[in-house]
Structures are given as structure tokens and as C-alpha cells.
Amino acid sequence: MAARHASGPMARRRGHDWPTAGLAVLALLAGLALGLPVLVLVARAIFGGALLHVGELGVVLDGLALSLVTTAASLALTVLIGLPLAILLARRSFRGSAVVEAIVDLPIVLPPSVAGLALLLLLGRRGLLGDPLEAIGMEIPFTTLAVVLAQTFVSAPFFIRSVRTGIASIERDLEDAARVDGAAESRVLAAVTLPLASAALAAGLVMSWARSLGEFGATIMFAGNVEGRTQTLPLVVYGEFQAGNLDASIAAAAILVLAAFGVLVAVRTLRWGRALDLRSGA
């Protein structure tokens, strides 16, 4: 009787171990499936010498320099147009706000090539604004400016959504207290709202920059792949692979992987986890 009584819990524990072990195996397999290709790429870049001798690969350095310049410009443009919109969506209820939010989120779900084609149809020579732009002597497609606009178009929603969520989570009583003390709206924004939403701001900036750095489809459709002018690092990966220069392609790809990994580590380490929920509509 005692033996049977003792064996019951042990049998139940062994029964519970099977699902746990099975989940662990599935998690390991999933981790290998997702991480192994990237690990192989980085290992090949390091041990194969491509990443260690990146200084000798001029096309990679040119692409990296252009990517850093254009992503910085697109990030500044994103903040300029995105911050007021994020504040409006977080603090004002108005008719049609749901439509505005859907439009803001649309570039996240659009295929990048579609985003590039849409920009071309708007700002290209035969686009909707092509004639007015030509009249003032301005040509945007297949220029560095086109790269910046393409990056901004696909990355701004990440910043807007993160900042909107951060500001919406701030208790309005704190802002109202500042107003009661006589602070103007601009002062309330600068001294109360933005500091309290600083984590969301930082997360939005980091994720937006990372999205700009990795942008490919919209850039190649709207800006082309012109070395030294529109060939950012993701386009270097594609162009050098097509040309058969595997070392340069691997080196550029490894730099992008390490940059993306660094961003994700920063987001988690600094507890900006809300930024990672943007795609799920947090």
C-alpha cells in the first residue's frame, strides 16, 4: 500500500517531465533553425577573413559610410515629422484618428518593394508630383535624397508607435499639475511628458534606426543601386553577390547582422521591451 502510494507521485512527476522535455527539444530545434544560418554567416565572415579584412573592401566601406549618413538623416527627419504626430495620436481624440493610425502603421505591413513603387509613383518624373518638382529643378528618384526618403517611409512608423504608446501611458495628472503651476504647454512637453516617455523615445529611435539600416526593397525601387550615391550596405550585399564577389557580400551582411543583434541586445538590456511589441500592435 505504501509502495503504491509512493509510486503515484513519482509516476505523475515522470509524466510531467515528458511534455517539459519535449518542449525543450522543440525550443532547441527552433533556436537552431532560426539562429544557425546567422551564426554560420558571422562565423564565415570572421574565420574566412572577410570581416577581418573589411578595410580592404572599398565597396563595403563606401556602403557603410553611406548607410550611416542616410540613416542619421532619416532618423532626424523621422523625429521631425513623427514626434508631433505621435503626441497628437496619444493625447487627442478626433474623428478619423483610427484611419490616421492605420495609415501610419501601413508601411510596417507593406512589402518594401511596394513602398518603393509608391514613392516612385508619387515623386518620380512621371509621378503625381513629378512635374512640379521638375519645374523647380528638383529630381529625387535615384539620388541620395531618395535613399533617405525611402528609409524614413518604412522606419518612421516604428518611432511613432513607440512614442505614442509611451506618452499614452503617462498619467495626465502629472501634466495637469505642471499646468496648474503655470507651465506653458511647450514647457509641460519638454519638462514632464518627454522625460517620462524617454524609454519609449529611446526604443523608437533605436528600432527606427535599425529598420533604416536594413532597408533594401524600397531603396532599390526608388533610389536604385548606384555605387557611392545610393548603394547602402544592404544593396552592397545584393550587388556584390550578383557580381560574384562573395567576400564583400559576406562582410557587408555580417556587419548588418552584428548591428541588428546589438540593437536587440540594447533594447532588452535597457528594458525597452515595449519596442519589440510594435509589430503586434502593442
C-alpha atoms as a PDB file:
ATOM      1  CA  MET A   1       0.000   0.000   0.000  1.00  0.00           C
ATOM      2  CA  ALA A   2       2.769   2.419   0.974  1.00  0.00           C
ATOM      3  CA  ALA A   3       4.744   1.420  -2.078  1.00  0.00           C
ATOM      4  CA  ARG A   4       1.779   2.062  -4.329  1.00  0.00           C
ATOM      5  CA  HIS A   5       1.140   5.400  -2.604  1.00  0.00           C
ATOM      6  CA  ALA A   6       4.781   6.447  -3.069  1.00  0.00           C
ATOM      7  CA  SER A   7       4.904   5.406  -6.669  1.00  0.00           C
ATOM      8  CA  GLY A   8       1.895   7.516  -7.618  1.00  0.00           C
ATOM      9  CA  PRO A   9       3.502  10.994  -7.249  1.00  0.00           C
ATOM     10  CA  MET A  10       6.727   9.724  -8.785  1.00  0.00           C
ATOM     11  CA  ALA A  11       4.818   8.422 -11.780  1.00  0.00           C
ATOM     12  CA  ARG A  12       2.991  11.728 -12.093  1.00  0.00           C
ATOM     13  CA  ARG A  13       6.281  13.653 -11.917  1.00  0.00           C
ATOM     14  CA  ARG A  14       7.749  11.443 -14.621  1.00  0.00           C
ATOM     15  CA  GLY A  15       4.614  12.041 -16.690  1.00  0.00           C
ATOM     16  CA  HIS A  16       5.012  15.792 -16.330  1.00  0.00           C
ATOM     17  CA  ASP A  17       8.693  15.557 -17.319  1.00  0.00           C
ATOM     18  CA  TRP A  18       7.833  14.237 -20.782  1.00  0.00           C
ATOM     19  CA  PRO A  19       5.972  17.369 -22.008  1.00  0.00           C
ATOM     20  CA  THR A  20       8.664  19.586 -20.491  1.00  0.00           C
ATOM     21  CA  ALA A  21      11.426  17.630 -22.177  1.00  0.00           C
ATOM     22  CA  GLY A  22       9.510  17.660 -25.452  1.00  0.00           C
ATOM     23  CA  LEU A  23       9.061  21.428 -25.314  1.00  0.00           C
ATOM     24  CA  ALA A  24      12.748  21.867 -24.549  1.00  0.00           C
ATOM     25  CA  VAL A  25      13.679  19.795 -27.590  1.00  0.00           C
ATOM     26  CA  LEU A  26      11.292  21.771 -29.806  1.00  0.00           C
ATOM     27  CA  ALA A  27      12.655  25.051 -28.453  1.00  0.00           C
ATOM     28  CA  LEU A  28      16.210  23.874 -29.157  1.00  0.00           C
ATOM     29  CA  LEU A  29      15.306  22.867 -32.707  1.00  0.00           C
ATOM     30  CA  ALA A  30      13.541  26.184 -33.300  1.00  0.00           C
ATOM     31  CA  GLY A  31      16.520  28.087 -31.927  1.00  0.00           C
ATOM     32  CA  LEU A  32      18.872  26.182 -34.209  1.00  0.00           C
ATOM     33  CA  ALA A  33      16.627  26.733 -37.223  1.00  0.00           C
ATOM     34  CA  LEU A  34      16.489  30.481 -36.600  1.00  0.00           C
ATOM     35  CA  GLY A  35      19.976  31.103 -35.264  1.00  0.00           C
ATOM     36  CA  LEU A  36      22.192  28.640 -37.102  1.00  0.00           C
ATOM     37  CA  PRO A  37      22.087  30.344 -40.537  1.00  0.00           C
ATOM     38  CA  VAL A  38      23.038  33.672 -38.983  1.00  0.00           C
ATOM     39  CA  LEU A  39      25.728  32.051 -36.852  1.00  0.00           C
ATOM     40  CA  VAL A  40      27.196  30.363 -39.926  1.00  0.00           C
ATOM     41  CA  LEU A  41      27.210  33.688 -41.774  1.00  0.00           C
ATOM     42  CA  VAL A  42      29.044  35.535 -38.988  1.00  0.00           C
ATOM     43  CA  ALA A  43      31.467  32.649 -38.446  1.00  0.00           C
ATOM     44  CA  ARG A  44      32.238  32.541 -42.167  1.00  0.00           C
ATOM     45  CA  ALA A  45      32.801  36.305 -42.169  1.00  0.00           C
ATOM     46  CA  ILE A  46      35.231  36.111 -39.224  1.00  0.00           C
ATOM     47  CA  PHE A  47      37.105  32.876 -39.814  1.00  0.00           C
ATOM     48  CA  GLY A  48      37.029  33.208 -43.576  1.00  0.00           C
ATOM     49  CA  GLY A  49      38.755  36.576 -43.267  1.00  0.00           C
ATOM     50  CA  ALA A  50      36.075  38.700 -44.970  1.00  0.00           C
ATOM     51  CA  LEU A  51      35.203  40.687 -41.839  1.00  0.00           C
ATOM     52  CA  LEU A  52      38.764  40.895 -40.575  1.00  0.00           C
ATOM     53  CA  HIS A  53      39.907  42.405 -43.877  1.00  0.00           C
ATOM     54  CA  VAL A  54      36.897  44.633 -44.394  1.00  0.00           C
ATOM     55  CA  GLY A  55      39.210  47.653 -44.564  1.00  0.00           C
ATOM     56  CA  GLU A  56      40.479  46.337 -47.882  1.00  0.00           C
ATOM     57  CA  LEU A  57      36.961  46.103 -49.324  1.00  0.00           C
ATOM     58  CA  GLY A  58      36.314  49.642 -50.519  1.00  0.00           C
ATOM     59  CA  VAL A  59      32.780  48.948 -51.720  1.00  0.00           C
ATOM     60  CA  VAL A  60      31.790  47.735 -48.241  1.00  0.00           C
ATOM     61  CA  LEU A  61      33.281  50.783 -46.529  1.00  0.00           C
ATOM     62  CA  ASP A  62      31.561  53.095 -49.023  1.00  0.00           C
ATOM     63  CA  GLY A  63      28.256  51.339 -48.436  1.00  0.00           C
ATOM     64  CA  LEU A  64      28.708  51.521 -44.671  1.00  0.00           C
ATOM     65  CA  ALA A  65      29.554  55.226 -44.786  1.00  0.00           C
ATOM     66  CA  LEU A  66      26.541  55.969 -46.975  1.00  0.00           C
ATOM     67  CA  SER A  67      24.303  53.901 -44.702  1.00  0.00           C
ATOM     68  CA  LEU A  68      25.454  55.772 -41.600  1.00  0.00           C
ATOM     69  CA  VAL A  69      24.898  59.159 -43.239  1.00  0.00           C
ATOM     70  CA  THR A  70      21.494  58.346 -44.709  1.00  0.00           C
ATOM     71  CA  THR A  71      20.176  56.603 -41.590  1.00  0.00           C
ATOM     72  CA  ALA A  72      21.208  59.594 -39.473  1.00  0.00           C
ATOM     73  CA  ALA A  73      19.369  61.911 -41.866  1.00  0.00           C
ATOM     74  CA  SER A  74      16.304  59.680 -41.978  1.00  0.00           C
ATOM     75  CA  LEU A  75      16.268  59.468 -38.180  1.00  0.00           C
ATOM     76  CA  ALA A  76      16.327  63.259 -37.897  1.00  0.00           C
ATOM     77  CA  LEU A  77      13.504  63.502 -40.438  1.00  0.00           C
ATOM     78  CA  THR A  78      11.558  60.810 -38.598  1.00  0.00           C
ATOM     79  CA  VAL A  79      11.754  62.729 -35.321  1.00  0.00           C
ATOM     80  CA  LEU A  80      10.818  65.979 -37.057  1.00  0.00           C
ATOM     81  CA  ILE A  81       7.628  64.617 -38.598  1.00  0.00           C
ATOM     82  CA  GLY A  82       6.934  61.728 -36.245  1.00  0.00           C
ATOM     83  CA  LEU A  83       7.123  63.312 -32.804  1.00  0.00           C
ATOM     84  CA  PRO A  84       4.266  65.829 -33.318  1.00  0.00           C
ATOM     85  CA  LEU A  85       2.124  63.107 -34.879  1.00  0.00           C
ATOM     86  CA  ALA A  86       2.825  60.688 -32.021  1.00  0.00           C
ATOM     87  CA  ILE A  87       1.896  63.352 -29.454  1.00  0.00           C
ATOM     88  CA  LEU A  88      -1.311  64.135 -31.340  1.00  0.00           C
ATOM     89  CA  LEU A  89      -2.354  60.483 -31.539  1.00  0.00           C
ATOM     90  CA  ALA A  90      -1.529  59.884 -27.875  1.00  0.00           C
ATOM     91  CA  ARG A  91      -3.204  62.965 -26.401  1.00  0.00           C
ATOM     92  CA  ARG A  92      -6.036  63.949 -28.738  1.00  0.00           C
ATOM     93  CA  SER A  93      -9.183  62.073 -29.700  1.00  0.00           C
ATOM     94  CA  PHE A  94     -10.619  63.216 -33.011  1.00  0.00           C
ATOM     95  CA  ARG A  95     -12.805  61.888 -35.762  1.00  0.00           C
ATOM     96  CA  GLY A  96     -10.764  59.807 -38.136  1.00  0.00           C
ATOM     97  CA  SER A  97      -7.942  59.094 -35.675  1.00  0.00           C
ATOM     98  CA  ALA A  98      -8.309  55.360 -36.319  1.00  0.00           C
ATOM     99  CA  VAL A  99      -7.816  55.981 -40.039  1.00  0.00           C
ATOM    100  CA  VAL A 100      -4.725  58.095 -39.348  1.00  0.00           C
ATOM    101  CA  GLU A 101      -3.281  55.357 -37.129  1.00  0.00           C
ATOM    102  CA  ALA A 102      -3.950  52.758 -39.832  1.00  0.00           C
ATOM    103  CA  ILE A 103      -2.156  54.933 -42.408  1.00  0.00           C
ATOM    104  CA  VAL A 104       0.798  55.390 -40.059  1.00  0.00           C
ATOM    105  CA  ASP A 105       1.033  51.630 -39.497  1.00  0.00           C
ATOM    106  CA  LEU A 106       0.615  50.718 -43.168  1.00  0.00           C
ATOM    107  CA  PRO A 107       4.324  50.850 -44.148  1.00  0.00           C
ATOM    108  CA  ILE A 108       5.046  48.229 -41.477  1.00  0.00           C
ATOM    109  CA  VAL A 109       2.937  45.613 -43.252  1.00  0.00           C
ATOM    110  CA  LEU A 110       3.564  46.725 -46.839  1.00  0.00           C
ATOM    111  CA  PRO A 111       6.195  44.786 -48.803  1.00  0.00           C
ATOM    112  CA  PRO A 112       9.191  47.143 -49.114  1.00  0.00           C
ATOM    113  CA  SER A 113       9.112  46.883 -52.914  1.00  0.00           C
ATOM    114  CA  VAL A 114       5.529  48.166 -52.865  1.00  0.00           C
ATOM    115  CA  ALA A 115       6.614  51.083 -50.668  1.00  0.00           C
ATOM    116  CA  GLY A 116       9.372  51.928 -53.157  1.00  0.00           C
ATOM    117  CA  LEU A 117       6.983  51.761 -56.099  1.00  0.00           C
ATOM    118  CA  ALA A 118       4.507  54.001 -54.276  1.00  0.00           C
ATOM    119  CA  LEU A 119       7.227  56.593 -53.672  1.00  0.00           C
ATOM    120  CA  LEU A 120       8.256  56.397 -57.319  1.00  0.00           C
ATOM    121  CA  LEU A 121       4.680  56.957 -58.482  1.00  0.00           C
ATOM    122  CA  LEU A 122       4.421  59.989 -56.220  1.00  0.00           C
ATOM    123  CA  LEU A 123       7.826  61.629 -56.660  1.00  0.00           C
ATOM    124  CA  GLY A 124       9.165  60.151 -59.902  1.00  0.00           C
ATOM    125  CA  ARG A 125       9.444  62.043 -63.178  1.00  0.00           C
ATOM    126  CA  ARG A 126       6.087  60.680 -64.285  1.00  0.00           C
ATOM    127  CA  GLY A 127       4.672  60.645 -60.784  1.00  0.00           C
ATOM    128  CA  LEU A 128       1.955  62.773 -59.280  1.00  0.00           C
ATOM    129  CA  LEU A 129       4.407  65.447 -58.112  1.00  0.00           C
ATOM    130  CA  GLY A 130       6.932  64.893 -60.899  1.00  0.00           C
ATOM    131  CA  ASP A 131       6.066  67.988 -62.939  1.00  0.00           C
ATOM    132  CA  PRO A 132       6.020  70.433 -60.006  1.00  0.00           C
ATOM    133  CA  LEU A 133       9.361  69.072 -58.795  1.00  0.00           C
ATOM    134  CA  GLU A 134      10.851  69.315 -62.269  1.00  0.00           C
ATOM    135  CA  ALA A 135       9.613  72.901 -62.555  1.00  0.00           C
ATOM    136  CA  ILE A 136      11.729  73.910 -59.562  1.00  0.00           C
ATOM    137  CA  GLY A 137      14.677  71.881 -60.814  1.00  0.00           C
ATOM    138  CA  MET A 138      14.406  69.130 -58.230  1.00  0.00           C
ATOM    139  CA  GLU A 139      14.929  65.482 -59.087  1.00  0.00           C
ATOM    140  CA  ILE A 140      14.515  62.981 -56.263  1.00  0.00           C
ATOM    141  CA  PRO A 141      14.491  59.397 -57.626  1.00  0.00           C
ATOM    142  CA  PHE A 142      17.856  57.626 -57.873  1.00  0.00           C
ATOM    143  CA  THR A 143      19.583  60.163 -55.644  1.00  0.00           C
ATOM    144  CA  THR A 144      20.851  60.042 -52.061  1.00  0.00           C
ATOM    145  CA  LEU A 145      17.781  62.016 -51.024  1.00  0.00           C
ATOM    146  CA  ALA A 146      15.650  59.185 -52.384  1.00  0.00           C
ATOM    147  CA  VAL A 147      17.507  56.793 -50.081  1.00  0.00           C
ATOM    148  CA  VAL A 148      16.716  58.992 -47.076  1.00  0.00           C
ATOM    149  CA  LEU A 149      13.040  59.269 -48.033  1.00  0.00           C
ATOM    150  CA  ALA A 150      12.721  55.516 -48.599  1.00  0.00           C
ATOM    151  CA  GLN A 151      14.316  54.778 -45.232  1.00  0.00           C
ATOM    152  CA  THR A 152      12.107  57.320 -43.489  1.00  0.00           C
ATOM    153  CA  PHE A 153       8.948  55.962 -45.095  1.00  0.00           C
ATOM    154  CA  VAL A 154       9.498  52.408 -43.853  1.00  0.00           C
ATOM    155  CA  SER A 155      11.037  53.217 -40.455  1.00  0.00           C
ATOM    156  CA  ALA A 156       9.026  56.186 -39.144  1.00  0.00           C
ATOM    157  CA  PRO A 157       6.052  54.040 -38.047  1.00  0.00           C
ATOM    158  CA  PHE A 158       8.259  52.226 -35.519  1.00  0.00           C
ATOM    159  CA  PHE A 159       9.203  55.501 -33.875  1.00  0.00           C
ATOM    160  CA  ILE A 160       5.681  56.920 -33.989  1.00  0.00           C
ATOM    161  CA  ARG A 161       4.097  53.815 -32.475  1.00  0.00           C
ATOM    162  CA  SER A 162       6.666  53.537 -29.699  1.00  0.00           C
ATOM    163  CA  VAL A 163       6.409  57.209 -28.715  1.00  0.00           C
ATOM    164  CA  ARG A 164       2.628  57.191 -28.955  1.00  0.00           C
ATOM    165  CA  THR A 165       2.449  54.188 -26.621  1.00  0.00           C
ATOM    166  CA  GLY A 166       4.910  55.751 -24.177  1.00  0.00           C
ATOM    167  CA  ILE A 167       3.108  59.094 -23.993  1.00  0.00           C
ATOM    168  CA  ALA A 168      -0.320  57.462 -23.715  1.00  0.00           C
ATOM    169  CA  SER A 169       0.880  55.531 -20.653  1.00  0.00           C
ATOM    170  CA  ILE A 170       1.795  58.731 -18.755  1.00  0.00           C
ATOM    171  CA  GLU A 171      -0.705  59.806 -16.131  1.00  0.00           C
ATOM    172  CA  ARG A 172      -2.289  63.066 -17.202  1.00  0.00           C
ATOM    173  CA  ASP A 173      -2.431  64.240 -13.586  1.00  0.00           C
ATOM    174  CA  LEU A 174       1.328  64.827 -13.716  1.00  0.00           C
ATOM    175  CA  GLU A 175       0.972  67.071 -16.759  1.00  0.00           C
ATOM    176  CA  ASP A 176      -2.043  68.829 -15.227  1.00  0.00           C
ATOM    177  CA  ALA A 177      -0.044  69.570 -12.080  1.00  0.00           C
ATOM    178  CA  ALA A 178       2.584  71.325 -14.154  1.00  0.00           C
ATOM    179  CA  ARG A 179      -0.107  73.360 -15.908  1.00  0.00           C
ATOM    180  CA  VAL A 180      -1.602  74.375 -12.567  1.00  0.00           C
ATOM    181  CA  ASP A 181       1.830  75.639 -11.558  1.00  0.00           C
ATOM    182  CA  GLY A 182       1.728  77.932 -14.583  1.00  0.00           C
ATOM    183  CA  ALA A 183       3.844  75.960 -17.066  1.00  0.00           C
ATOM    184  CA  ALA A 184       3.111  76.578 -20.736  1.00  0.00           C
ATOM    185  CA  GLU A 185       2.280  73.631 -22.989  1.00  0.00           C
ATOM    186  CA  SER A 186       5.745  73.641 -24.512  1.00  0.00           C
ATOM    187  CA  ARG A 187       7.266  73.561 -21.025  1.00  0.00           C
ATOM    188  CA  VAL A 188       4.975  70.705 -19.959  1.00  0.00           C
ATOM    189  CA  LEU A 189       6.050  68.761 -23.016  1.00  0.00           C
ATOM    190  CA  ALA A 190       9.760  69.396 -22.513  1.00  0.00           C
ATOM    191  CA  ALA A 191       9.921  69.031 -18.714  1.00  0.00           C
ATOM    192  CA  VAL A 192       7.263  66.396 -17.979  1.00  0.00           C
ATOM    193  CA  THR A 193       5.924  64.457 -20.957  1.00  0.00           C
ATOM    194  CA  LEU A 194       9.072  63.700 -22.925  1.00  0.00           C
ATOM    195  CA  PRO A 195      11.265  62.858 -19.888  1.00  0.00           C
ATOM    196  CA  LEU A 196       8.630  60.437 -18.600  1.00  0.00           C
ATOM    197  CA  ALA A 197       8.389  58.871 -22.054  1.00  0.00           C
ATOM    198  CA  SER A 198      12.164  58.780 -22.524  1.00  0.00           C
ATOM    199  CA  ALA A 199      12.348  54.969 -22.582  1.00  0.00           C
ATOM    200  CA  ALA A 200       9.755  54.807 -25.347  1.00  0.00           C
ATOM    201  CA  LEU A 201      11.556  57.581 -27.224  1.00  0.00           C
ATOM    202  CA  ALA A 202      14.865  55.747 -26.994  1.00  0.00           C
ATOM    203  CA  ALA A 203      13.309  52.453 -28.066  1.00  0.00           C
ATOM    204  CA  GLY A 204      11.608  54.127 -31.010  1.00  0.00           C
ATOM    205  CA  LEU A 205      14.830  55.789 -32.106  1.00  0.00           C
ATOM    206  CA  VAL A 206      16.826  52.572 -31.897  1.00  0.00           C
ATOM    207  CA  MET A 207      14.262  50.430 -33.698  1.00  0.00           C
ATOM    208  CA  SER A 208      13.677  53.077 -36.356  1.00  0.00           C
ATOM    209  CA  TRP A 209      17.415  53.404 -36.996  1.00  0.00           C
ATOM    210  CA  ALA A 210      17.803  49.636 -37.238  1.00  0.00           C
ATOM    211  CA  ARG A 211      14.934  49.411 -39.713  1.00  0.00           C
ATOM    212  CA  SER A 212      16.503  52.170 -41.819  1.00  0.00           C
ATOM    213  CA  LEU A 213      19.886  50.447 -41.762  1.00  0.00           C
ATOM    214  CA  GLY A 214      18.417  47.207 -43.056  1.00  0.00           C
ATOM    215  CA  GLU A 215      16.152  48.741 -45.692  1.00  0.00           C
ATOM    216  CA  PHE A 216      16.519  47.160 -49.138  1.00  0.00           C
ATOM    217  CA  GLY A 217      13.330  46.858 -51.208  1.00  0.00           C
ATOM    218  CA  ALA A 218      12.064  50.426 -51.100  1.00  0.00           C
ATOM    219  CA  THR A 219      15.573  51.764 -51.639  1.00  0.00           C
ATOM    220  CA  ILE A 220      16.362  49.721 -54.724  1.00  0.00           C
ATOM    221  CA  MET A 221      12.963  50.516 -56.269  1.00  0.00           C
ATOM    222  CA  PHE A 222      13.036  54.257 -55.582  1.00  0.00           C
ATOM    223  CA  ALA A 223      16.746  55.091 -55.392  1.00  0.00           C
ATOM    224  CA  GLY A 224      18.376  52.369 -57.479  1.00  0.00           C
ATOM    225  CA  ASN A 225      21.729  50.751 -56.788  1.00  0.00           C
ATOM    226  CA  VAL A 226      24.295  53.367 -57.777  1.00  0.00           C
ATOM    227  CA  GLU A 227      27.669  52.839 -56.119  1.00  0.00           C
ATOM    228  CA  GLY A 228      28.739  55.784 -53.997  1.00  0.00           C
ATOM    229  CA  ARG A 229      25.378  57.528 -54.300  1.00  0.00           C
ATOM    230  CA  THR A 230      22.536  55.153 -53.444  1.00  0.00           C
ATOM    231  CA  GLN A 231      24.257  51.830 -52.712  1.00  0.00           C
ATOM    232  CA  THR A 232      23.724  51.354 -48.996  1.00  0.00           C
ATOM    233  CA  LEU A 233      25.058  48.344 -47.121  1.00  0.00           C
ATOM    234  CA  PRO A 234      22.076  46.033 -47.824  1.00  0.00           C
ATOM    235  CA  LEU A 235      22.429  46.840 -51.524  1.00  0.00           C
ATOM    236  CA  VAL A 236      26.139  46.047 -51.321  1.00  0.00           C
ATOM    237  CA  VAL A 237      25.207  42.551 -50.096  1.00  0.00           C
ATOM    238  CA  TYR A 238      22.973  42.056 -53.110  1.00  0.00           C
ATOM    239  CA  GLY A 239      25.175  43.757 -55.688  1.00  0.00           C
ATOM    240  CA  GLU A 240      28.411  42.030 -54.700  1.00  0.00           C
ATOM    241  CA  PHE A 241      26.717  38.648 -54.523  1.00  0.00           C
ATOM    242  CA  GLN A 242      25.332  39.169 -58.015  1.00  0.00           C
ATOM    243  CA  ALA A 243      28.818  40.158 -59.200  1.00  0.00           C
ATOM    244  CA  GLY A 244      30.353  37.018 -57.693  1.00  0.00           C
ATOM    245  CA  ASN A 245      32.365  38.868 -55.015  1.00  0.00           C
ATOM    246  CA  LEU A 246      31.320  36.628 -52.151  1.00  0.00           C
ATOM    247  CA  ASP A 247      33.772  38.005 -49.560  1.00  0.00           C
ATOM    248  CA  ALA A 248      32.446  41.560 -49.883  1.00  0.00           C
ATOM    249  CA  SER A 249      28.858  40.317 -49.756  1.00  0.00           C
ATOM    250  CA  ILE A 250      29.538  38.247 -46.633  1.00  0.00           C
ATOM    251  CA  ALA A 251      31.395  41.105 -44.915  1.00  0.00           C
ATOM    252  CA  ALA A 252      28.551  43.559 -45.550  1.00  0.00           C
ATOM    253  CA  ALA A 253      25.961  41.030 -44.403  1.00  0.00           C
ATOM    254  CA  ALA A 254      27.903  40.285 -41.215  1.00  0.00           C
ATOM    255  CA  ILE A 255      28.086  43.986 -40.349  1.00  0.00           C
ATOM    256  CA  LEU A 256      24.304  44.239 -40.723  1.00  0.00           C
ATOM    257  CA  VAL A 257      23.750  41.148 -38.598  1.00  0.00           C
ATOM    258  CA  LEU A 258      26.015  42.427 -35.816  1.00  0.00           C
ATOM    259  CA  ALA A 259      24.318  45.838 -35.892  1.00  0.00           C
ATOM    260  CA  ALA A 260      20.863  44.260 -35.668  1.00  0.00           C
ATOM    261  CA  PHE A 261      21.995  41.956 -32.855  1.00  0.00           C
ATOM    262  CA  GLY A 262      23.447  44.910 -30.979  1.00  0.00           C
ATOM    263  CA  VAL A 263      20.156  46.790 -31.272  1.00  0.00           C
ATOM    264  CA  LEU A 264      18.150  43.862 -29.909  1.00  0.00           C
ATOM    265  CA  VAL A 265      20.566  43.361 -27.020  1.00  0.00           C
ATOM    266  CA  ALA A 266      20.362  47.077 -26.189  1.00  0.00           C
ATOM    267  CA  VAL A 267      16.564  47.014 -26.260  1.00  0.00           C
ATOM    268  CA  ARG A 268      16.454  44.085 -23.849  1.00  0.00           C
ATOM    269  CA  THR A 269      19.334  45.115 -21.615  1.00  0.00           C
ATOM    270  CA  LEU A 270      17.955  48.624 -21.131  1.00  0.00           C
ATOM    271  CA  ARG A 271      14.441  47.222 -20.683  1.00  0.00           C
ATOM    272  CA  TRP A 272      12.953  48.903 -23.700  1.00  0.00           C
ATOM    273  CA  GLY A 273      10.891  45.775 -24.269  1.00  0.00           C
ATOM    274  CA  ARG A 274       7.834  47.653 -25.436  1.00  0.00           C
ATOM    275  CA  ALA A 275       9.601  48.487 -28.680  1.00  0.00           C
ATOM    276  CA  LEU A 276       9.723  44.795 -29.534  1.00  0.00           C
ATOM    277  CA  ASP A 277       5.928  44.578 -29.399  1.00  0.00           C
ATOM    278  CA  LEU A 278       5.365  47.149 -32.158  1.00  0.00           C
ATOM    279  CA  ARG A 279       4.628  44.600 -34.845  1.00  0.00           C
ATOM    280  CA  SER A 280       1.934  43.002 -32.688  1.00  0.00           C
ATOM    281  CA  GLY A 281       0.179  46.326 -32.137  1.00  0.00           C
ATOM    282  CA  ALA A 282       1.208  46.993 -28.546  1.00  0.00           C
END
